[in-house]
Protein backbone atom coordinates (compact mmCIF):
# COMPACT_ATOMS: atom_id res chain seq x y z
CA MET A 1 17.20 -70.08 -51.57
CA LYS A 2 16.25 -66.43 -51.80
CA ILE A 3 14.95 -64.64 -48.57
CA TYR A 4 12.65 -61.82 -49.00
CA ILE A 5 12.61 -59.23 -46.30
CA SER A 6 9.48 -56.91 -46.22
CA ILE A 7 10.24 -53.45 -45.19
CA ARG A 8 7.14 -51.69 -44.41
CA GLY A 9 6.78 -48.10 -43.58
CA PHE A 10 4.06 -46.28 -41.79
CA THR A 11 0.88 -45.61 -43.63
CA LEU A 12 -0.37 -41.94 -44.07
CA ILE A 13 -3.22 -42.65 -41.54
CA GLU A 14 -0.76 -43.94 -38.93
CA VAL A 15 1.43 -40.73 -39.43
CA THR A 16 -1.69 -38.34 -39.14
CA ILE A 17 -2.95 -40.00 -36.07
CA ALA A 18 0.58 -39.86 -34.46
CA THR A 19 0.92 -36.21 -35.27
CA ALA A 20 -2.67 -35.34 -33.90
CA ILE A 21 -1.81 -37.07 -30.73
CA MET A 22 1.64 -35.18 -30.33
CA ALA A 23 -0.22 -32.08 -31.23
CA MET A 24 -2.83 -32.70 -28.54
CA ILE A 25 -0.03 -33.48 -25.99
CA VAL A 26 1.94 -30.32 -26.67
CA MET A 27 -1.21 -28.18 -26.50
CA LEU A 28 -2.15 -29.63 -23.27
CA LEU A 29 1.24 -29.06 -21.59
CA ALA A 30 1.28 -25.66 -23.11
CA GLN A 31 -1.99 -24.76 -21.59
CA MET A 32 -1.00 -26.10 -18.45
CA TYR A 33 2.21 -23.97 -18.30
CA ILE A 34 0.25 -20.75 -19.41
CA SER A 35 -2.46 -21.42 -16.78
CA GLY A 36 0.24 -21.84 -13.88
CA THR A 37 2.00 -18.83 -15.04
CA ILE A 38 -1.02 -16.66 -14.94
CA SER A 39 -1.97 -17.99 -11.67
CA SER A 40 1.41 -17.36 -10.40
CA GLU A 41 1.42 -13.71 -11.63
CA LYS A 42 -1.88 -13.16 -9.92
CA GLU A 43 -0.68 -14.23 -6.66
CA ILE A 44 2.54 -12.20 -6.83
CA ALA A 45 0.50 -9.11 -7.69
CA LYS A 46 -1.91 -9.75 -4.88
CA SER A 47 1.06 -10.33 -2.42
CA LYS A 48 2.63 -6.85 -3.66
CA LEU A 49 -0.55 -5.18 -2.86
CA GLN A 50 -0.69 -6.72 0.60
CA VAL A 51 3.11 -5.92 1.45
CA GLU A 52 2.29 -2.15 0.12
CA ALA A 53 -0.86 -1.93 2.33
CA LYS A 54 0.91 -3.35 5.50
CA SER A 55 3.97 -1.18 5.04
CA ALA A 56 1.93 2.03 4.78
CA LEU A 57 -0.31 0.98 7.72
CA GLU A 58 2.94 0.27 9.81
CA GLY A 59 4.02 3.88 9.04
CA ILE A 60 0.70 5.35 10.06
CA ASN A 61 0.60 3.34 13.30
CA SER A 62 4.01 4.33 14.24
CA ASN A 63 3.19 8.02 13.82
CA ILE A 64 -0.27 7.69 15.72
CA LYS A 65 1.90 6.28 18.61
CA LEU A 66 4.36 9.06 18.61
CA SER A 67 1.80 11.75 18.37
CA ALA A 68 0.74 13.88 21.24
CA LYS A 69 -2.81 14.49 19.80
CA MET A 70 -4.90 14.43 16.69
CA GLU A 71 -5.87 17.78 15.55
CA PRO A 72 -9.35 18.80 14.35
CA SER A 73 -7.76 21.00 11.68
CA TYR A 74 -4.50 22.36 10.33
CA THR A 75 -3.87 25.53 8.20
CA THR A 76 -0.33 25.50 6.33
CA ASP A 77 1.70 28.60 5.65
CA THR A 78 -0.03 28.92 2.25
CA SER A 79 -3.44 29.11 3.90
CA VAL A 80 -4.58 25.52 2.96
CA THR A 81 -6.63 24.01 5.69
CA TYR A 82 -6.95 20.28 6.30
CA THR A 83 -9.75 19.01 8.55
CA SER A 84 -9.80 15.68 10.32
CA SER A 85 -12.34 13.18 8.76
CA ALA A 86 -12.63 9.66 7.64
CA THR A 87 -10.12 10.26 4.94
CA THR A 88 -7.98 12.74 6.64
CA LEU A 89 -5.65 12.19 9.78
CA ILE A 90 -3.80 15.14 11.40
CA LEU A 91 -1.20 14.28 13.82
CA ASP A 92 0.74 16.68 16.22
CA ILE A 93 4.19 14.89 16.90
CA PRO A 94 6.62 16.36 19.50
CA ALA A 95 9.68 17.83 17.60
CA ILE A 96 12.72 15.88 18.34
CA ASP A 97 16.31 16.79 17.51
CA SER A 98 19.26 14.68 16.37
CA SER A 99 20.01 13.48 20.01
CA ASN A 100 16.50 12.24 20.51
CA THR A 101 15.65 15.29 22.89
CA PHE A 102 12.35 17.17 22.90
CA ILE A 103 12.68 20.45 21.52
CA TYR A 104 11.09 23.41 23.33
CA SER A 105 10.04 26.80 22.12
CA GLY A 106 10.17 28.84 25.37
CA SER A 107 8.51 26.70 28.02
CA GLN A 108 6.19 24.96 25.44
CA LYS A 109 7.09 21.80 23.51
CA ALA A 110 7.65 22.33 19.74
CA TYR A 111 5.60 20.16 17.43
CA ASP A 112 5.72 18.67 13.76
CA HIS A 113 2.72 17.99 11.96
CA ILE A 114 1.91 14.99 9.90
CA ILE A 115 -1.20 14.74 7.64
CA TYR A 116 -2.37 11.68 5.90
CA TYR A 117 -5.06 12.43 3.22
CA LEU A 118 -6.82 10.87 0.40
CA ASP A 119 -6.32 12.85 -2.83
CA PRO A 120 -9.62 14.51 -3.61
CA ASP A 121 -8.57 14.82 -7.18
CA ASN A 122 -7.17 11.30 -7.57
CA THR A 123 -8.64 9.13 -5.02
CA ASP A 124 -6.36 6.17 -5.95
CA ASN A 125 -3.60 8.10 -3.92
CA LEU A 126 -2.89 8.17 -0.26
CA HIS A 127 -0.66 11.14 0.74
CA LYS A 128 1.66 11.92 3.73
CA LEU A 129 2.36 15.61 4.39
CA VAL A 130 4.93 16.79 6.57
CA PHE A 131 5.27 20.20 8.32
CA SER A 132 8.12 21.12 10.48
CA ASP A 133 9.01 24.67 11.35
CA ASN A 134 11.99 24.18 13.56
CA PRO A 135 15.32 23.80 11.94
CA ASN A 136 16.70 21.63 14.77
CA SER A 137 13.90 19.12 14.30
CA ARG A 138 14.76 15.61 12.64
CA LEU A 139 11.63 16.17 10.20
CA TYR A 140 12.74 19.62 9.22
CA SER A 141 14.50 18.28 6.11
CA GLN A 142 11.00 16.91 4.96
CA ASN A 143 9.19 20.22 5.73
CA ASN A 144 6.36 20.97 3.20
CA SER A 145 7.00 17.57 1.60
CA ASP A 146 3.96 15.74 0.02
CA GLN A 147 4.60 12.02 -0.43
CA ILE A 148 2.22 9.60 -1.99
CA ILE A 149 2.79 6.46 0.09
CA LEU A 150 0.00 4.34 -1.47
CA ASN A 151 -1.54 3.85 -5.06
CA ASP A 152 -4.38 1.66 -6.13
CA VAL A 153 -6.25 2.84 -3.06
CA GLN A 154 -10.01 1.89 -3.23
CA SER A 155 -10.98 3.22 0.16
CA VAL A 156 -9.37 4.51 3.43
CA SER A 157 -11.11 5.14 6.68
CA PHE A 158 -9.66 6.74 9.86
CA GLY A 159 -12.09 5.95 12.85
CA TYR A 160 -11.55 8.00 16.04
CA ASP A 161 -12.63 6.83 19.59
CA SER A 162 -13.76 10.42 20.15
CA ALA A 163 -13.57 13.64 18.31
CA PRO A 164 -10.20 15.36 17.67
CA PRO A 165 -8.36 16.83 19.72
CA ASN A 166 -9.58 14.33 22.32
CA SER A 167 -8.86 11.21 20.29
CA VAL A 168 -6.59 8.57 21.80
CA GLU A 169 -7.18 5.50 19.65
CA VAL A 170 -7.46 5.60 15.81
CA THR A 171 -8.80 2.63 13.64
CA THR A 172 -7.36 2.62 10.12
CA ASP A 173 -8.91 0.48 7.38
CA LEU A 174 -7.16 0.45 4.04
CA THR A 175 -8.62 -1.29 0.88
CA LEU A 176 -6.29 -1.57 -2.21
CA ALA A 177 -7.49 -2.74 -5.73
CA SER A 178 -5.67 -3.51 -8.75
CA THR A 179 -6.84 -4.60 -12.18
CA GLY A 180 -4.71 -6.81 -14.41
CA GLN A 181 -5.37 -9.76 -16.81
CA GLY A 182 -9.00 -9.16 -16.87
CA GLU A 183 -9.27 -9.46 -13.21
CA THR A 184 -9.60 -7.25 -10.04
CA ARG A 185 -7.43 -8.18 -6.98
CA THR A 186 -8.58 -6.63 -3.72
CA VAL A 187 -6.70 -6.39 -0.46
CA ASN A 188 -8.15 -5.29 2.95
CA VAL A 189 -5.94 -4.50 5.91
CA SER A 190 -7.01 -2.91 9.24
CA SER A 191 -5.50 -1.90 12.64
CA GLN A 192 -5.98 0.04 15.79
CA SER A 193 -3.42 2.38 17.32
CA LYS A 194 -3.17 4.52 20.43
CA ARG A 195 -1.11 7.54 20.95
CA ARG A 196 1.41 7.14 23.75
CA ASN A 197 2.35 10.75 24.19
CA SER A 198 0.53 13.67 25.73
CA ASP A 199 0.89 17.50 25.78
């Protein structure tokens, strides 16, 4: 007796349907992966902005607390004058030597000066200027330094409880904005700080 075994393969239609289903599954998985990656990158970029803004704000607050007063204006040795405003903060900080002792010039305390200002030519940048004339001051090594402490600045606002030099408290509002992957990410941080020192 002869036994016939029927070996039947897949038809062309079955192969085409299976291939189409597999392609759809692969495309769906790829889209989910890409979407998750983009979302993750956006969150990382926003977190980075938040960290930068908070770090700059902490530095500003720390110097406000150390200051003896906020000046209405300051003129540098090169005759450049800075004036206190919503975008410029001028701080007089008692000069301290390496052993944390106040420095005196005669009977008067010596002062270092720190200025935070929004660059008028490139309003994305917040600067920190340091002026220190006393060689014994801890800040003397930074004398005449101009450091960009923040990029991507959309706005900065220094609010004074009264006009300098009578200010005691400063409210600082910072808004950072960064554009990437067709989307603008914005971060707002704000704080109030009081000076602890006096003349």
